[in-house]
Amino acid sequence: MNEILSALSEEGIATFKRNEFAERVGCVPSQINYVITSRFTPEKGYIVRSRRGGGGSITITKLSLSGGELLMHTINSIGEEIQENSMRIILDNLSYNDEISADTKTLIFAACCDITLKEVPIDKRDKVRAAIFKNMLLSYLNNK
């Protein structure tokens, strides 16, 4: 895994044969999609392309967006619903990339966490969270 991350940090893109990738991350080829979706997600700043057949390949690209681009990409990738853990990962990524401050991260999380939304029915909570989260990020971006 460290080899993959170091290739990404050096060049921002890494391409592997599917079988080679499975060997590097310590899984069988049939588990590759699970490994990819759990470790290299858009929330963490990655785009993954997978090609099957003929040995197949995996291409992982680390997003290198600057300024408001990363915030806009993030807002557009949220969708209509978001779980608390996914929101936390996005906030961590934005903070790590210096797009938002630690204080802003804390405030947004506090406004959108399950404790704050406890009065919202569980089946609607992720939808309400997504709306608040996107609106807060848009407001932050507009006032930046």
N, C-alpha and C. Protein backbone atom coordinates (compact mmCIF):
# COMPACT_ATOMS: atom_id res chain seq x y z
N MET A 1 0.82 -1.19 0.00
CA MET A 1 0.00 0.00 0.00
C MET A 1 0.87 1.26 0.00
N ASN A 2 1.95 1.25 0.77
CA ASN A 2 2.83 2.42 0.81
C ASN A 2 3.43 2.73 -0.55
N GLU A 3 3.72 1.68 -1.32
CA GLU A 3 4.26 1.86 -2.66
C GLU A 3 3.25 2.60 -3.55
N ILE A 4 1.98 2.24 -3.41
CA ILE A 4 0.92 2.88 -4.19
C ILE A 4 0.80 4.35 -3.79
N LEU A 5 0.76 4.61 -2.48
CA LEU A 5 0.64 5.98 -2.00
C LEU A 5 1.84 6.82 -2.38
N SER A 6 3.04 6.25 -2.37
CA SER A 6 4.20 7.04 -2.75
C SER A 6 4.19 7.34 -4.24
N ALA A 7 3.72 6.40 -5.07
CA ALA A 7 3.58 6.68 -6.51
C ALA A 7 2.58 7.79 -6.74
N LEU A 8 1.50 7.79 -5.96
CA LEU A 8 0.48 8.84 -6.10
C LEU A 8 1.02 10.19 -5.63
N SER A 9 1.79 10.22 -4.56
CA SER A 9 2.28 11.50 -4.05
C SER A 9 3.35 12.09 -4.95
N GLU A 10 4.10 11.24 -5.66
CA GLU A 10 5.13 11.73 -6.56
C GLU A 10 4.55 12.26 -7.86
N GLU A 11 3.66 11.50 -8.47
CA GLU A 11 3.16 11.85 -9.79
C GLU A 11 1.68 12.17 -9.84
N GLY A 12 0.94 11.80 -8.78
CA GLY A 12 -0.49 12.06 -8.75
C GLY A 12 -1.33 11.04 -9.47
N ILE A 13 -0.66 10.07 -10.12
CA ILE A 13 -1.39 9.04 -10.86
C ILE A 13 -0.59 7.74 -10.80
N ALA A 14 -1.29 6.63 -10.66
CA ALA A 14 -0.64 5.32 -10.64
C ALA A 14 -1.52 4.33 -11.39
N THR A 15 -0.92 3.53 -12.27
CA THR A 15 -1.64 2.52 -13.03
C THR A 15 -1.02 1.16 -12.74
N PHE A 16 -1.88 0.19 -12.46
CA PHE A 16 -1.44 -1.15 -12.13
C PHE A 16 -2.27 -2.16 -12.88
N LYS A 17 -1.68 -3.32 -13.17
CA LYS A 17 -2.44 -4.45 -13.67
C LYS A 17 -3.31 -4.93 -12.52
N ARG A 18 -4.50 -5.40 -12.82
CA ARG A 18 -5.44 -5.82 -11.76
C ARG A 18 -4.81 -6.87 -10.84
N ASN A 19 -4.18 -7.89 -11.40
CA ASN A 19 -3.58 -8.94 -10.58
C ASN A 19 -2.42 -8.39 -9.74
N GLU A 20 -1.62 -7.51 -10.33
CA GLU A 20 -0.51 -6.88 -9.61
C GLU A 20 -1.04 -6.04 -8.46
N PHE A 21 -2.12 -5.30 -8.71
CA PHE A 21 -2.73 -4.47 -7.67
C PHE A 21 -3.23 -5.33 -6.52
N ALA A 22 -3.91 -6.44 -6.84
CA ALA A 22 -4.43 -7.34 -5.81
C ALA A 22 -3.29 -7.88 -4.95
N GLU A 23 -2.18 -8.21 -5.59
CA GLU A 23 -1.02 -8.72 -4.85
C GLU A 23 -0.44 -7.63 -3.94
N ARG A 24 -0.34 -6.42 -4.44
CA ARG A 24 0.24 -5.32 -3.66
C ARG A 24 -0.58 -4.95 -2.42
N VAL A 25 -1.89 -5.01 -2.55
CA VAL A 25 -2.73 -4.65 -1.39
C VAL A 25 -3.13 -5.87 -0.57
N GLY A 26 -2.69 -7.05 -0.99
CA GLY A 26 -2.93 -8.24 -0.20
C GLY A 26 -4.35 -8.77 -0.25
N CYS A 27 -4.92 -8.82 -1.44
CA CYS A 27 -6.27 -9.38 -1.58
C CYS A 27 -6.32 -10.23 -2.84
N VAL A 28 -7.40 -10.98 -3.00
CA VAL A 28 -7.59 -11.74 -4.22
C VAL A 28 -8.23 -10.82 -5.26
N PRO A 29 -8.01 -11.11 -6.56
CA PRO A 29 -8.53 -10.22 -7.61
C PRO A 29 -10.03 -9.91 -7.50
N SER A 30 -10.81 -10.86 -7.00
CA SER A 30 -12.25 -10.62 -6.90
C SER A 30 -12.60 -9.57 -5.84
N GLN A 31 -11.66 -9.25 -4.95
CA GLN A 31 -11.90 -8.26 -3.90
C GLN A 31 -11.41 -6.86 -4.26
N ILE A 32 -10.84 -6.71 -5.45
CA ILE A 32 -10.24 -5.43 -5.82
C ILE A 32 -11.23 -4.27 -5.74
N ASN A 33 -12.43 -4.45 -6.27
CA ASN A 33 -13.40 -3.34 -6.24
C ASN A 33 -13.71 -2.91 -4.83
N TYR A 34 -13.84 -3.86 -3.90
CA TYR A 34 -14.09 -3.50 -2.50
C TYR A 34 -12.92 -2.71 -1.93
N VAL A 35 -11.71 -3.19 -2.17
CA VAL A 35 -10.51 -2.51 -1.66
C VAL A 35 -10.44 -1.09 -2.21
N ILE A 36 -10.69 -0.96 -3.48
CA ILE A 36 -10.62 0.36 -4.12
C ILE A 36 -11.68 1.30 -3.54
N THR A 37 -12.92 0.82 -3.44
CA THR A 37 -13.98 1.70 -2.97
C THR A 37 -13.83 2.06 -1.51
N SER A 38 -13.12 1.25 -0.74
CA SER A 38 -12.94 1.57 0.67
C SER A 38 -11.71 2.42 0.95
N ARG A 39 -10.72 2.38 0.07
CA ARG A 39 -9.46 3.10 0.34
C ARG A 39 -9.23 4.31 -0.55
N PHE A 40 -9.72 4.28 -1.77
CA PHE A 40 -9.46 5.35 -2.73
C PHE A 40 -10.79 5.94 -3.21
N THR A 41 -11.41 6.73 -2.37
CA THR A 41 -12.74 7.27 -2.64
C THR A 41 -12.66 8.73 -3.06
N PRO A 42 -13.70 9.23 -3.73
CA PRO A 42 -13.75 10.66 -4.06
C PRO A 42 -13.68 11.54 -2.81
N GLU A 43 -14.27 11.06 -1.70
CA GLU A 43 -14.22 11.82 -0.46
C GLU A 43 -12.80 12.01 0.04
N LYS A 44 -11.94 11.05 -0.28
CA LYS A 44 -10.54 11.13 0.14
C LYS A 44 -9.68 11.79 -0.93
N GLY A 45 -10.29 12.20 -2.03
CA GLY A 45 -9.58 12.94 -3.07
C GLY A 45 -9.02 12.09 -4.20
N TYR A 46 -9.64 10.95 -4.51
CA TYR A 46 -9.15 10.07 -5.56
C TYR A 46 -10.22 9.82 -6.61
N ILE A 47 -9.76 9.59 -7.84
CA ILE A 47 -10.62 9.12 -8.92
C ILE A 47 -10.03 7.79 -9.36
N VAL A 48 -10.87 6.76 -9.46
CA VAL A 48 -10.40 5.43 -9.83
C VAL A 48 -11.07 5.01 -11.13
N ARG A 49 -10.26 4.49 -12.04
CA ARG A 49 -10.78 3.91 -13.28
C ARG A 49 -10.31 2.47 -13.32
N SER A 50 -11.24 1.57 -13.59
CA SER A 50 -10.93 0.15 -13.62
C SER A 50 -11.30 -0.41 -14.99
N ARG A 51 -10.36 -1.14 -15.59
CA ARG A 51 -10.61 -1.76 -16.88
C ARG A 51 -10.46 -3.27 -16.72
N ARG A 52 -11.48 -3.99 -17.12
CA ARG A 52 -11.46 -5.46 -17.02
C ARG A 52 -11.08 -6.05 -18.37
N GLY A 53 -10.74 -7.33 -18.35
CA GLY A 53 -10.42 -8.03 -19.58
C GLY A 53 -8.99 -7.81 -20.01
N GLY A 54 -8.39 -8.82 -20.63
CA GLY A 54 -7.02 -8.71 -21.11
C GLY A 54 -6.03 -8.41 -20.00
N GLY A 55 -6.26 -8.94 -18.83
CA GLY A 55 -5.39 -8.64 -17.68
C GLY A 55 -5.92 -7.48 -16.88
N GLY A 56 -6.59 -6.57 -17.54
CA GLY A 56 -7.21 -5.43 -16.87
C GLY A 56 -6.21 -4.51 -16.20
N SER A 57 -6.68 -3.35 -15.84
CA SER A 57 -5.81 -2.39 -15.15
C SER A 57 -6.63 -1.51 -14.22
N ILE A 58 -5.93 -0.93 -13.27
CA ILE A 58 -6.51 0.00 -12.31
C ILE A 58 -5.70 1.29 -12.43
N THR A 59 -6.37 2.41 -12.61
CA THR A 59 -5.69 3.70 -12.61
C THR A 59 -6.28 4.53 -11.48
N ILE A 60 -5.41 4.97 -10.58
CA ILE A 60 -5.81 5.79 -9.44
C ILE A 60 -5.19 7.16 -9.63
N THR A 61 -6.03 8.19 -9.57
CA THR A 61 -5.55 9.56 -9.73
C THR A 61 -5.86 10.34 -8.47
N LYS A 62 -4.86 10.97 -7.91
CA LYS A 62 -5.04 11.85 -6.75
C LYS A 62 -5.42 13.22 -7.30
N LEU A 63 -6.57 13.72 -6.87
CA LEU A 63 -7.01 15.03 -7.33
C LEU A 63 -6.06 16.10 -6.83
N SER A 64 -5.70 16.99 -7.70
CA SER A 64 -4.83 18.09 -7.29
C SER A 64 -5.51 19.40 -7.70
N LEU A 65 -6.58 19.66 -7.02
CA LEU A 65 -7.34 20.87 -7.29
C LEU A 65 -6.91 21.95 -6.32
N SER A 66 -7.02 23.18 -6.75
CA SER A 66 -6.60 24.27 -5.87
C SER A 66 -7.74 25.26 -5.68
N GLY A 67 -7.56 26.09 -4.67
CA GLY A 67 -8.53 27.13 -4.40
C GLY A 67 -9.93 26.58 -4.24
N GLY A 68 -10.88 27.25 -4.87
CA GLY A 68 -12.28 26.85 -4.76
C GLY A 68 -12.62 25.61 -5.57
N GLU A 69 -11.69 25.13 -6.43
CA GLU A 69 -11.97 23.95 -7.25
C GLU A 69 -12.25 22.72 -6.39
N LEU A 70 -11.42 22.51 -5.36
CA LEU A 70 -11.61 21.34 -4.50
C LEU A 70 -12.94 21.44 -3.75
N LEU A 71 -13.27 22.63 -3.27
CA LEU A 71 -14.55 22.81 -2.58
C LEU A 71 -15.72 22.56 -3.53
N MET A 72 -15.64 23.09 -4.75
CA MET A 72 -16.73 22.88 -5.71
C MET A 72 -16.84 21.41 -6.10
N HIS A 73 -15.71 20.74 -6.31
CA HIS A 73 -15.73 19.31 -6.62
C HIS A 73 -16.38 18.54 -5.47
N THR A 74 -16.03 18.91 -4.26
CA THR A 74 -16.58 18.25 -3.08
C THR A 74 -18.08 18.46 -2.99
N ILE A 75 -18.52 19.68 -3.14
CA ILE A 75 -19.96 19.99 -3.07
C ILE A 75 -20.72 19.20 -4.14
N ASN A 76 -20.17 19.16 -5.35
CA ASN A 76 -20.84 18.45 -6.44
C ASN A 76 -20.84 16.94 -6.26
N SER A 77 -19.90 16.42 -5.48
CA SER A 77 -19.83 14.96 -5.29
C SER A 77 -20.67 14.46 -4.12
N ILE A 78 -21.23 15.34 -3.33
CA ILE A 78 -21.96 14.92 -2.13
C ILE A 78 -23.25 14.19 -2.46
N GLY A 79 -24.00 14.62 -3.42
CA GLY A 79 -25.26 13.94 -3.73
C GLY A 79 -26.39 14.40 -2.83
N GLU A 80 -27.49 13.66 -2.83
CA GLU A 80 -28.67 14.04 -2.06
C GLU A 80 -28.65 13.57 -0.63
N GLU A 81 -27.80 12.59 -0.32
CA GLU A 81 -27.70 12.05 1.04
C GLU A 81 -26.24 11.83 1.38
N ILE A 82 -25.92 11.94 2.67
CA ILE A 82 -24.57 11.63 3.13
C ILE A 82 -24.62 11.15 4.58
N GLN A 83 -23.87 10.11 4.86
CA GLN A 83 -23.78 9.60 6.22
C GLN A 83 -22.75 10.41 7.01
N GLU A 84 -22.89 10.37 8.31
CA GLU A 84 -21.99 11.14 9.17
C GLU A 84 -20.52 10.79 8.94
N ASN A 85 -20.20 9.51 8.81
CA ASN A 85 -18.82 9.11 8.62
C ASN A 85 -18.24 9.63 7.30
N SER A 86 -19.01 9.60 6.23
CA SER A 86 -18.55 10.13 4.95
C SER A 86 -18.32 11.63 5.05
N MET A 87 -19.20 12.32 5.76
CA MET A 87 -19.02 13.76 5.96
C MET A 87 -17.72 14.03 6.72
N ARG A 88 -17.45 13.22 7.74
CA ARG A 88 -16.23 13.39 8.53
C ARG A 88 -14.99 13.22 7.65
N ILE A 89 -15.01 12.23 6.78
CA ILE A 89 -13.88 11.99 5.86
C ILE A 89 -13.67 13.18 4.94
N ILE A 90 -14.76 13.71 4.39
CA ILE A 90 -14.67 14.87 3.51
C ILE A 90 -14.09 16.06 4.27
N LEU A 91 -14.58 16.31 5.46
CA LEU A 91 -14.07 17.43 6.26
C LEU A 91 -12.59 17.24 6.59
N ASP A 92 -12.19 16.02 6.93
CA ASP A 92 -10.77 15.74 7.19
C ASP A 92 -9.92 16.04 5.96
N ASN A 93 -10.42 15.62 4.79
CA ASN A 93 -9.69 15.85 3.54
C ASN A 93 -9.58 17.35 3.24
N LEU A 94 -10.67 18.08 3.41
CA LEU A 94 -10.63 19.53 3.17
C LEU A 94 -9.69 20.23 4.13
N SER A 95 -9.69 19.81 5.37
CA SER A 95 -8.79 20.39 6.37
C SER A 95 -7.34 20.03 6.08
N TYR A 96 -7.08 18.78 5.73
CA TYR A 96 -5.73 18.32 5.41
C TYR A 96 -5.15 19.11 4.24
N ASN A 97 -6.00 19.43 3.27
CA ASN A 97 -5.57 20.18 2.08
C ASN A 97 -5.65 21.70 2.28
N ASP A 98 -5.86 22.12 3.52
CA ASP A 98 -5.91 23.55 3.88
C ASP A 98 -6.99 24.33 3.14
N GLU A 99 -8.08 23.65 2.80
CA GLU A 99 -9.21 24.33 2.17
C GLU A 99 -10.13 24.94 3.21
N ILE A 100 -10.18 24.32 4.40
CA ILE A 100 -10.94 24.87 5.51
C ILE A 100 -10.06 24.78 6.76
N SER A 101 -10.32 25.65 7.70
CA SER A 101 -9.56 25.65 8.95
C SER A 101 -10.09 24.56 9.89
N ALA A 102 -9.32 24.27 10.91
CA ALA A 102 -9.76 23.29 11.92
C ALA A 102 -11.03 23.78 12.61
N ASP A 103 -11.13 25.09 12.87
CA ASP A 103 -12.34 25.64 13.50
C ASP A 103 -13.56 25.47 12.60
N THR A 104 -13.39 25.75 11.31
CA THR A 104 -14.50 25.59 10.36
C THR A 104 -14.93 24.14 10.29
N LYS A 105 -13.97 23.24 10.24
CA LYS A 105 -14.25 21.80 10.22
C LYS A 105 -15.08 21.40 11.45
N THR A 106 -14.68 21.88 12.61
CA THR A 106 -15.38 21.56 13.85
C THR A 106 -16.81 22.10 13.84
N LEU A 107 -16.98 23.33 13.38
CA LEU A 107 -18.32 23.94 13.34
C LEU A 107 -19.25 23.23 12.36
N ILE A 108 -18.73 22.91 11.18
CA ILE A 108 -19.57 22.22 10.19
C ILE A 108 -19.97 20.85 10.70
N PHE A 109 -19.00 20.13 11.29
CA PHE A 109 -19.32 18.81 11.82
C PHE A 109 -20.39 18.92 12.91
N ALA A 110 -20.22 19.88 13.80
CA ALA A 110 -21.19 20.05 14.90
C ALA A 110 -22.59 20.35 14.37
N ALA A 111 -22.68 21.12 13.29
CA ALA A 111 -23.99 21.47 12.73
C ALA A 111 -24.66 20.30 12.02
N CYS A 112 -23.87 19.33 11.55
CA CYS A 112 -24.41 18.26 10.72
C CYS A 112 -24.34 16.87 11.34
N CYS A 113 -23.85 16.74 12.54
CA CYS A 113 -23.66 15.41 13.14
C CYS A 113 -24.99 14.81 13.61
N ASP A 114 -24.96 13.53 13.89
CA ASP A 114 -26.16 12.81 14.32
C ASP A 114 -26.76 13.38 15.61
N ILE A 115 -25.92 13.83 16.51
CA ILE A 115 -26.43 14.39 17.77
C ILE A 115 -27.28 15.63 17.49
N THR A 116 -26.80 16.49 16.60
CA THR A 116 -27.55 17.70 16.25
C THR A 116 -28.85 17.35 15.54
N LEU A 117 -28.80 16.32 14.71
CA LEU A 117 -29.97 15.95 13.90
C LEU A 117 -30.84 14.88 14.55
N LYS A 118 -30.69 14.69 15.85
CA LYS A 118 -31.43 13.61 16.53
C LYS A 118 -32.94 13.75 16.44
N GLU A 119 -33.45 14.96 16.28
CA GLU A 119 -34.91 15.16 16.17
C GLU A 119 -35.43 14.88 14.76
N VAL A 120 -34.51 14.74 13.80
CA VAL A 120 -34.90 14.42 12.42
C VAL A 120 -35.07 12.91 12.34
N PRO A 121 -36.18 12.43 11.77
CA PRO A 121 -36.37 10.98 11.64
C PRO A 121 -35.17 10.33 10.95
N ILE A 122 -34.78 9.17 11.42
CA ILE A 122 -33.58 8.49 10.91
C ILE A 122 -33.62 8.32 9.39
N ASP A 123 -34.77 8.01 8.83
CA ASP A 123 -34.86 7.79 7.39
C ASP A 123 -34.67 9.07 6.57
N LYS A 124 -34.69 10.24 7.22
CA LYS A 124 -34.50 11.52 6.52
C LYS A 124 -33.20 12.21 6.92
N ARG A 125 -32.54 11.69 7.92
CA ARG A 125 -31.37 12.34 8.51
C ARG A 125 -30.23 12.58 7.49
N ASP A 126 -29.90 11.57 6.69
CA ASP A 126 -28.79 11.71 5.74
C ASP A 126 -29.12 12.72 4.64
N LYS A 127 -30.40 12.83 4.30
CA LYS A 127 -30.82 13.80 3.30
C LYS A 127 -30.72 15.23 3.86
N VAL A 128 -31.17 15.42 5.08
CA VAL A 128 -31.10 16.73 5.74
C VAL A 128 -29.63 17.11 5.94
N ARG A 129 -28.82 16.13 6.38
CA ARG A 129 -27.39 16.39 6.60
C ARG A 129 -26.73 16.87 5.30
N ALA A 130 -27.02 16.21 4.19
CA ALA A 130 -26.42 16.58 2.90
C ALA A 130 -26.80 18.01 2.52
N ALA A 131 -28.06 18.36 2.72
CA ALA A 131 -28.51 19.72 2.37
C ALA A 131 -27.80 20.77 3.22
N ILE A 132 -27.72 20.53 4.51
CA ILE A 132 -27.05 21.49 5.40
C ILE A 132 -25.56 21.56 5.08
N PHE A 133 -24.94 20.40 4.91
CA PHE A 133 -23.51 20.32 4.64
C PHE A 133 -23.15 21.06 3.35
N LYS A 134 -23.89 20.80 2.28
CA LYS A 134 -23.61 21.49 1.01
C LYS A 134 -23.81 23.00 1.14
N ASN A 135 -24.87 23.40 1.83
CA ASN A 135 -25.15 24.82 2.00
C ASN A 135 -24.05 25.50 2.81
N MET A 136 -23.57 24.84 3.85
CA MET A 136 -22.49 25.42 4.66
C MET A 136 -21.21 25.55 3.84
N LEU A 137 -20.89 24.54 3.03
CA LEU A 137 -19.69 24.61 2.20
C LEU A 137 -19.82 25.70 1.13
N LEU A 138 -21.01 25.81 0.54
CA LEU A 138 -21.24 26.88 -0.45
C LEU A 138 -21.12 28.26 0.18
N SER A 139 -21.68 28.42 1.36
CA SER A 139 -21.58 29.70 2.07
C SER A 139 -20.14 30.03 2.40
N TYR A 140 -19.40 29.02 2.83
CA TYR A 140 -17.98 29.20 3.14
C TYR A 140 -17.21 29.62 1.88
N LEU A 141 -17.48 28.93 0.78
CA LEU A 141 -16.80 29.23 -0.49
C LEU A 141 -17.12 30.64 -0.95
N ASN A 142 -18.39 31.06 -0.84
CA ASN A 142 -18.80 32.39 -1.27
C ASN A 142 -18.22 33.51 -0.41
N ASN A 143 -17.87 33.19 0.81
CA ASN A 143 -17.32 34.20 1.72
C ASN A 143 -15.81 34.09 1.88
N LYS A 144 -15.21 33.24 1.14
CA LYS A 144 -13.76 33.01 1.22
C LYS A 144 -12.99 34.12 0.58
